[in-house]
PDB file of N, CA and C in Angstrom:
ATOM      1  N   MET A   1       0.898  -1.152  -0.097  1.00  0.00           N
ATOM      2  CA  MET A   1      -0.082   0.405  -0.167  1.00  0.00           C
ATOM      3  C   MET A   1       1.003   1.013   0.225  1.00  0.00           C
ATOM      4  N   ARG A   2       0.482   2.295  -0.737  1.00  0.00           N
ATOM      5  CA  ARG A   2       1.635   3.243  -0.778  1.00  0.00           C
ATOM      6  C   ARG A   2       0.963   4.072   0.125  1.00  0.00           C
ATOM      7  N   ASP A   3       1.852   5.597   0.283  1.00  0.00           N
ATOM      8  CA  ASP A   3       1.625   6.374   1.749  1.00  0.00           C
ATOM      9  C   ASP A   3       1.167   7.254   1.164  1.00  0.00           C
ATOM     10  N   ASP A   4       0.079   8.127   0.306  1.00  0.00           N
ATOM     11  CA  ASP A   4      -1.152   8.356   0.261  1.00  0.00           C
ATOM     12  C   ASP A   4      -2.239   7.467  -0.056  1.00  0.00           C
ATOM     13  N   GLN A   5      -2.053   6.217   0.043  1.00  0.00           N
ATOM     14  CA  GLN A   5      -3.000   5.072  -0.125  1.00  0.00           C
ATOM     15  C   GLN A   5      -3.527   5.085   1.600  1.00  0.00           C
ATOM     16  N   GLN A   6      -2.238   4.684   2.671  1.00  0.00           N
ATOM     17  CA  GLN A   6      -2.507   4.475   4.044  1.00  0.00           C
ATOM     18  C   GLN A   6      -3.018   6.132   4.295  1.00  0.00           C
ATOM     19  N   ARG A   7      -2.329   7.393   4.363  1.00  0.00           N
ATOM     20  CA  ARG A   7      -2.813   8.610   4.985  1.00  0.00           C
ATOM     21  C   ARG A   7      -4.666   8.453   4.476  1.00  0.00           C
ATOM     22  N   ARG A   8      -5.085   7.732   3.361  1.00  0.00           N
ATOM     23  CA  ARG A   8      -6.593   8.381   2.996  1.00  0.00           C
ATOM     24  C   ARG A   8      -7.303   7.482   3.622  1.00  0.00           C
ATOM     25  N   LEU A   9      -6.746   6.228   4.233  1.00  0.00           N
ATOM     26  CA  LEU A   9      -7.313   5.317   4.965  1.00  0.00           C
ATOM     27  C   LEU A   9      -7.418   5.355   6.271  1.00  0.00           C
ATOM     28  N   ALA A  10      -6.534   5.996   6.774  1.00  0.00           N
ATOM     29  CA  ALA A  10      -6.454   6.213   8.522  1.00  0.00           C
ATOM     30  C   ALA A  10      -7.147   7.019   8.271  1.00  0.00           C
ATOM     31  N   GLN A  11      -7.352   8.657   7.780  1.00  0.00           N
ATOM     32  CA  GLN A  11      -8.134   9.604   7.713  1.00  0.00           C
ATOM     33  C   GLN A  11      -9.438   9.568   7.387  1.00  0.00           C
ATOM     34  N   ALA A  12     -10.058   8.246   6.491  1.00  0.00           N
ATOM     35  CA  ALA A  12     -11.389   7.412   6.507  1.00  0.00           C
ATOM     36  C   ALA A  12     -11.603   7.323   7.633  1.00  0.00           C
ATOM     37  N   VAL A  13     -10.655   6.098   8.068  1.00  0.00           N
ATOM     38  CA  VAL A  13     -10.954   5.387   9.868  1.00  0.00           C
ATOM     39  C   VAL A  13     -11.318   6.666  10.600  1.00  0.00           C
ATOM     40  N   ARG A  14     -10.535   7.532  11.052  1.00  0.00           N
ATOM     41  CA  ARG A  14     -10.929   8.914  11.662  1.00  0.00           C
ATOM     42  C   ARG A  14     -12.214   8.866  11.747  1.00  0.00           C
ATOM     43  N   GLU A  15     -12.250   9.707  10.377  1.00  0.00           N
ATOM     44  CA  GLU A  15     -13.891  10.577  10.125  1.00  0.00           C
ATOM     45  C   GLU A  15     -14.926   9.522  10.609  1.00  0.00           C
ATOM     46  N   ALA A  16     -14.994   8.469   9.793  1.00  0.00           N
ATOM     47  CA  ALA A  16     -16.094   7.134  10.363  1.00  0.00           C
ATOM     48  C   ALA A  16     -16.285   7.049  11.916  1.00  0.00           C
ATOM     49  N   CYS A  17     -15.495   7.108  12.784  1.00  0.00           N
ATOM     50  CA  CYS A  17     -15.374   6.859  14.152  1.00  0.00           C
ATOM     51  C   CYS A  17     -15.788   8.140  14.765  1.00  0.00           C
ATOM     52  N   VAL A  18     -14.971   8.871  14.524  1.00  0.00           N
ATOM     53  CA  VAL A  18     -16.086  10.501  14.879  1.00  0.00           C
ATOM     54  C   VAL A  18     -17.163  10.677  14.143  1.00  0.00           C
ATOM     55  N   GLU A  19     -17.678  10.181  13.047  1.00  0.00           N
ATOM     56  CA  GLU A  19     -19.019  10.582  12.654  1.00  0.00           C
ATOM     57  C   GLU A  19     -19.937   9.076  13.593  1.00  0.00           C
ATOM     58  N   ALA A  20     -19.359   8.048  13.744  1.00  0.00           N
ATOM     59  CA  ALA A  20     -20.107   6.772  14.181  1.00  0.00           C
ATOM     60  C   ALA A  20     -20.654   7.515  15.272  1.00  0.00           C
ATOM     61  N   ALA A  21     -19.363   7.862  16.288  1.00  0.00           N
ATOM     62  CA  ALA A  21     -19.691   8.190  17.810  1.00  0.00           C
ATOM     63  C   ALA A  21     -20.272   9.159  18.446  1.00  0.00           C
ATOM     64  N   SER A  22     -20.297  10.499  17.462  1.00  0.00           N
ATOM     65  CA  SER A  22     -21.109  11.592  17.684  1.00  0.00           C
ATOM     66  C   SER A  22     -22.571  11.351  18.264  1.00  0.00           C
ATOM     67  N   SER A  23     -23.456  11.155  17.390  1.00  0.00           N
ATOM     68  CA  SER A  23     -24.468  10.572  17.629  1.00  0.00           C
ATOM     69  C   SER A  23     -25.260  10.200  19.039  1.00  0.00           C
ATOM     70  N   PRO A  24     -24.090   8.687  19.101  1.00  0.00           N
ATOM     71  CA  PRO A  24     -24.988   7.843  19.961  1.00  0.00           C
ATOM     72  C   PRO A  24     -24.132   8.867  21.483  1.00  0.00           C
ATOM     73  N   TYR A  25     -23.456   9.419  21.350  1.00  0.00           N
ATOM     74  CA  TYR A  25     -22.787  10.182  22.359  1.00  0.00           C
ATOM     75  C   TYR A  25     -23.797  11.034  22.948  1.00  0.00           C
ATOM     76  N   GLU A  26     -25.142  11.976  21.682  1.00  0.00           N
ATOM     77  CA  GLU A  26     -25.375  12.980  21.875  1.00  0.00           C
ATOM     78  C   GLU A  26     -26.907  12.433  22.418  1.00  0.00           C
ATOM     79  N   GLU A  27     -27.158  10.781  22.061  1.00  0.00           N
ATOM     80  CA  GLU A  27     -27.990  10.672  22.456  1.00  0.00           C
ATOM     81  C   GLU A  27     -28.542   9.719  24.077  1.00  0.00           C
ATOM     82  N   ALA A  28     -26.875   9.381  24.604  1.00  0.00           N
ATOM     83  CA  ALA A  28     -26.989   8.720  25.977  1.00  0.00           C
ATOM     84  C   ALA A  28     -27.072   9.642  26.712  1.00  0.00           C
ATOM     85  N   GLY A  29     -26.506  11.096  25.982  1.00  0.00           N
ATOM     86  CA  GLY A  29     -26.380  12.195  26.990  1.00  0.00           C
ATOM     87  C   GLY A  29     -28.319  12.770  27.064  1.00  0.00           C
ATOM     88  N   ILE A  30     -28.705  12.736  26.350  1.00  0.00           N
ATOM     89  CA  ILE A  30     -30.200  13.257  26.314  1.00  0.00           C
ATOM     90  C   ILE A  30     -30.743  12.548  27.078  1.00  0.00           C
ATOM     91  N   SER A  31     -30.358  10.876  26.862  1.00  0.00           N
ATOM     92  CA  SER A  31     -31.472   9.959  27.669  1.00  0.00           C
ATOM     93  C   SER A  31     -30.754   9.974  29.071  1.00  0.00           C
ATOM     94  N   GLY A  32     -29.885  10.639  29.323  1.00  0.00           N
ATOM     95  CA  GLY A  32     -29.720  10.767  31.085  1.00  0.00           C
ATOM     96  C   GLY A  32     -28.275   9.888  31.552  1.00  0.00           C
ATOM     97  N   LEU A  33     -27.209   9.726  30.593  1.00  0.00           N
ATOM     98  CA  LEU A  33     -26.190   8.708  30.997  1.00  0.00           C
ATOM     99  C   LEU A  33     -25.389   9.460  31.303  1.00  0.00           C
ATOM    100  N   CYS A  34     -24.398   9.517  32.405  1.00  0.00           N
ATOM    101  CA  CYS A  34     -23.855  10.170  32.460  1.00  0.00           C
ATOM    102  C   CYS A  34     -22.339  10.107  31.771  1.00  0.00           C
ATOM    103  N   TYR A  35     -21.168  10.965  32.004  1.00  0.00           N
ATOM    104  CA  TYR A  35     -19.896  10.733  31.021  1.00  0.00           C
ATOM    105  C   TYR A  35     -19.754   9.652  30.556  1.00  0.00           C
ATOM    106  N   GLU A  36     -19.575   8.666  31.724  1.00  0.00           N
ATOM    107  CA  GLU A  36     -18.840   7.453  31.414  1.00  0.00           C
ATOM    108  C   GLU A  36     -19.748   6.597  30.709  1.00  0.00           C
ATOM    109  N   GLY A  37     -21.172   7.148  31.193  1.00  0.00           N
ATOM    110  CA  GLY A  37     -22.403   5.861  29.835  1.00  0.00           C
ATOM    111  C   GLY A  37     -22.236   6.277  28.429  1.00  0.00           C
ATOM    112  N   ARG A  38     -21.659   7.522  28.272  1.00  0.00           N
ATOM    113  CA  ARG A  38     -21.831   8.279  27.188  1.00  0.00           C
ATOM    114  C   ARG A  38     -20.448   7.855  26.355  1.00  0.00           C
ATOM    115  N   TRP A  39     -20.114   8.044  26.940  1.00  0.00           N
ATOM    116  CA  TRP A  39     -18.614   7.535  26.014  1.00  0.00           C
ATOM    117  C   TRP A  39     -18.551   6.412  25.710  1.00  0.00           C
ATOM    118  N   GLU A  40     -18.775   5.192  27.216  1.00  0.00           N
ATOM    119  CA  GLU A  40     -18.785   3.315  26.562  1.00  0.00           C
ATOM    120  C   GLU A  40     -20.195   3.524  25.337  1.00  0.00           C
ATOM    121  N   CYS A  41     -21.371   4.326  25.172  1.00  0.00           N
ATOM    122  CA  CYS A  41     -22.118   4.015  23.693  1.00  0.00           C
ATOM    123  C   CYS A  41     -21.298   4.529  22.633  1.00  0.00           C
ATOM    124  N   ALA A  42     -20.652   5.424  23.009  1.00  0.00           N
ATOM    125  CA  ALA A  42     -19.546   5.887  21.576  1.00  0.00           C
ATOM    126  C   ALA A  42     -18.362   4.944  21.250  1.00  0.00           C
ATOM    127  N   VAL A  43     -18.169   4.507  22.039  1.00  0.00           N
ATOM    128  CA  VAL A  43     -16.781   3.355  21.999  1.00  0.00           C
ATOM    129  C   VAL A  43     -17.363   2.275  21.495  1.00  0.00           C
ATOM    130  N   ASP A  44     -18.469   1.660  21.874  1.00  0.00           N
ATOM    131  CA  ASP A  44     -18.937   0.802  21.109  1.00  0.00           C
ATOM    132  C   ASP A  44     -19.422   0.371  20.141  1.00  0.00           C
ATOM    133  N   THR A  45     -19.933   1.678  19.807  1.00  0.00           N
ATOM    134  CA  THR A  45     -20.740   1.775  18.077  1.00  0.00           C
ATOM    135  C   THR A  45     -19.135   2.223  17.395  1.00  0.00           C
ATOM    136  N   MET A  46     -18.246   2.798  17.408  1.00  0.00           N
ATOM    137  CA  MET A  46     -16.787   2.558  16.852  1.00  0.00           C
ATOM    138  C   MET A  46     -16.589   1.159  16.519  1.00  0.00           C
ATOM    139  N   ARG A  47     -16.422   0.390  17.680  1.00  0.00           N
ATOM    140  CA  ARG A  47     -16.100  -1.195  18.087  1.00  0.00           C
ATOM    141  C   ARG A  47     -16.843  -1.647  16.673  1.00  0.00           C
ATOM    142  N   ASN A  48     -18.261  -1.331  16.510  1.00  0.00           N
ATOM    143  CA  ASN A  48     -18.977  -2.136  15.851  1.00  0.00           C
ATOM    144  C   ASN A  48     -19.228  -1.385  14.214  1.00  0.00           C
ATOM    145  N   LEU A  49     -17.919  -0.663  13.816  1.00  0.00           N
ATOM    146  CA  LEU A  49     -18.260   0.222  12.291  1.00  0.00           C
ATOM    147  C   LEU A  49     -18.179  -1.165  11.679  1.00  0.00           C
ATOM    148  N   ASP A  50     -18.916  -1.045  10.698  1.00  0.00           N
ATOM    149  CA  ASP A  50     -18.130  -2.319   9.419  1.00  0.00           C
ATOM    150  C   ASP A  50     -17.610  -1.436   8.786  1.00  0.00           C
ATOM    151  N   LEU A  51     -16.267  -1.915   8.647  1.00  0.00           N
ATOM    152  CA  LEU A  51     -15.223  -1.828   7.829  1.00  0.00           C
ATOM    153  C   LEU A  51     -14.895  -2.261   6.837  1.00  0.00           C
ATOM    154  N   ALA A  52     -16.038  -3.113   6.189  1.00  0.00           N
ATOM    155  CA  ALA A  52     -16.135  -3.829   4.796  1.00  0.00           C
ATOM    156  C   ALA A  52     -16.469  -2.387   4.353  1.00  0.00           C
ATOM    157  N   VAL A  53     -17.742  -2.232   4.495  1.00  0.00           N
ATOM    158  CA  VAL A  53     -18.770  -0.939   3.971  1.00  0.00           C
ATOM    159  C   VAL A  53     -17.311   0.429   3.960  1.00  0.00           C
ATOM    160  N   LEU A  54     -16.730   0.688   4.741  1.00  0.00           N
ATOM    161  CA  LEU A  54     -15.676   1.744   4.355  1.00  0.00           C
ATOM    162  C   LEU A  54     -14.901   1.248   3.494  1.00  0.00           C
ATOM    163  N   LEU A  55     -14.413   0.240   3.373  1.00  0.00           N
ATOM    164  CA  LEU A  55     -13.071  -0.316   2.607  1.00  0.00           C
ATOM    165  C   LEU A  55     -13.964   0.057   1.131  1.00  0.00           C
ATOM    166  N   GLU A  56     -14.968  -0.246   0.841  1.00  0.00           N
ATOM    167  CA  GLU A  56     -15.743  -0.529  -0.604  1.00  0.00           C
ATOM    168  C   GLU A  56     -15.661   1.134  -0.740  1.00  0.00           C
ATOM    169  N   GLN A  57     -16.560   1.674  -0.151  1.00  0.00           N
ATOM    170  CA  GLN A  57     -16.492   3.562  -0.371  1.00  0.00           C
ATOM    171  C   GLN A  57     -14.760   3.776  -0.610  1.00  0.00           C
ATOM    172  N   LEU A  58     -14.308   3.598  -0.125  1.00  0.00           N
ATOM    173  CA  LEU A  58     -12.785   4.185  -0.470  1.00  0.00           C
ATOM    174  C   LEU A  58     -12.411   3.407  -1.778  1.00  0.00           C
ATOM    175  N   GLU A  59     -12.148   2.433  -2.129  1.00  0.00           N
ATOM    176  CA  GLU A  59     -12.335   1.859  -3.008  1.00  0.00           C
ATOM    177  C   GLU A  59     -13.124   2.445  -4.450  1.00  0.00           C
ATOM    178  N   SER A  60     -14.416   2.597  -4.047  1.00  0.00           N
ATOM    179  CA  SER A  60     -15.312   3.469  -4.930  1.00  0.00           C
ATOM    180  C   SER A  60     -14.472   4.787  -5.523  1.00  0.00           C
ATOM    181  N   LEU A  61     -14.099   5.604  -4.496  1.00  0.00           N
ATOM    182  CA  LEU A  61     -13.048   6.954  -4.674  1.00  0.00           C
ATOM    183  C   LEU A  61     -12.059   6.745  -5.289  1.00  0.00           C
ATOM    184  N   SER A  62     -10.970   5.257  -5.520  1.00  0.00           N
ATOM    185  CA  SER A  62      -9.799   5.626  -5.760  1.00  0.00           C
ATOM    186  C   SER A  62      -9.988   5.364  -7.153  1.00  0.00           C
ATOM    187  N   PRO A  63      -8.709   6.267  -7.823  1.00  0.00           N
ATOM    188  CA  PRO A  63      -8.472   6.190  -9.089  1.00  0.00           C
ATOM    189  C   PRO A  63      -8.604   4.644  -9.839  1.00  0.00           C
ATOM    190  N   ALA A  64      -8.318   3.707  -9.341  1.00  0.00           N
ATOM    191  CA  ALA A  64      -7.685   2.398  -9.264  1.00  0.00           C
ATOM    192  C   ALA A  64      -9.373   2.078  -9.680  1.00  0.00           C
ATOM    193  N   GLY A  65     -10.144   2.126  -8.553  1.00  0.00           N
ATOM    194  CA  GLY A  65     -11.604   1.745  -8.635  1.00  0.00           C
ATOM    195  C   GLY A  65     -12.793   2.346  -9.682  1.00  0.00           C
ATOM    196  N   LYS A  66     -12.333   3.518  -9.896  1.00  0.00           N
ATOM    197  CA  LYS A  66     -12.641   4.192 -11.042  1.00  0.00           C
ATOM    198  C   LYS A  66     -12.329   3.422 -12.611  1.00  0.00           C
ATOM    199  N   GLU A  67     -11.387   3.163 -12.591  1.00  0.00           N
ATOM    200  CA  GLU A  67     -10.765   2.830 -13.643  1.00  0.00           C
ATOM    201  C   GLU A  67     -11.469   1.171 -13.899  1.00  0.00           C
ATOM    202  N   SER A  68     -11.603   0.446 -13.016  1.00  0.00           N
ATOM    203  CA  SER A  68     -12.174  -1.128 -12.976  1.00  0.00           C
ATOM    204  C   SER A  68     -13.968  -1.202 -13.458  1.00  0.00           C
ATOM    205  N   THR A  69     -14.300   0.381 -12.816  1.00  0.00           N
ATOM    206  CA  THR A  69     -15.704  -0.092 -13.259  1.00  0.00           C
ATOM    207  C   THR A  69     -16.000   0.287 -14.480  1.00  0.00           C
TER     208      THR A  69
END
């Protein structure tokens, strides 16, 4: 894997984690959970991210993925 591909993958994973965790964290707060409970909900969501979907999305955006379509 090239450096630019590794950077794109790492950035995509980071963005997916932040996006996935934000909503459950806020919803848990609205439900009355304490900080630790909110954080636990957010972490659980990140642990359950479907990385295969993320990889498919990245492949469809890569130049190689466009050429193979």
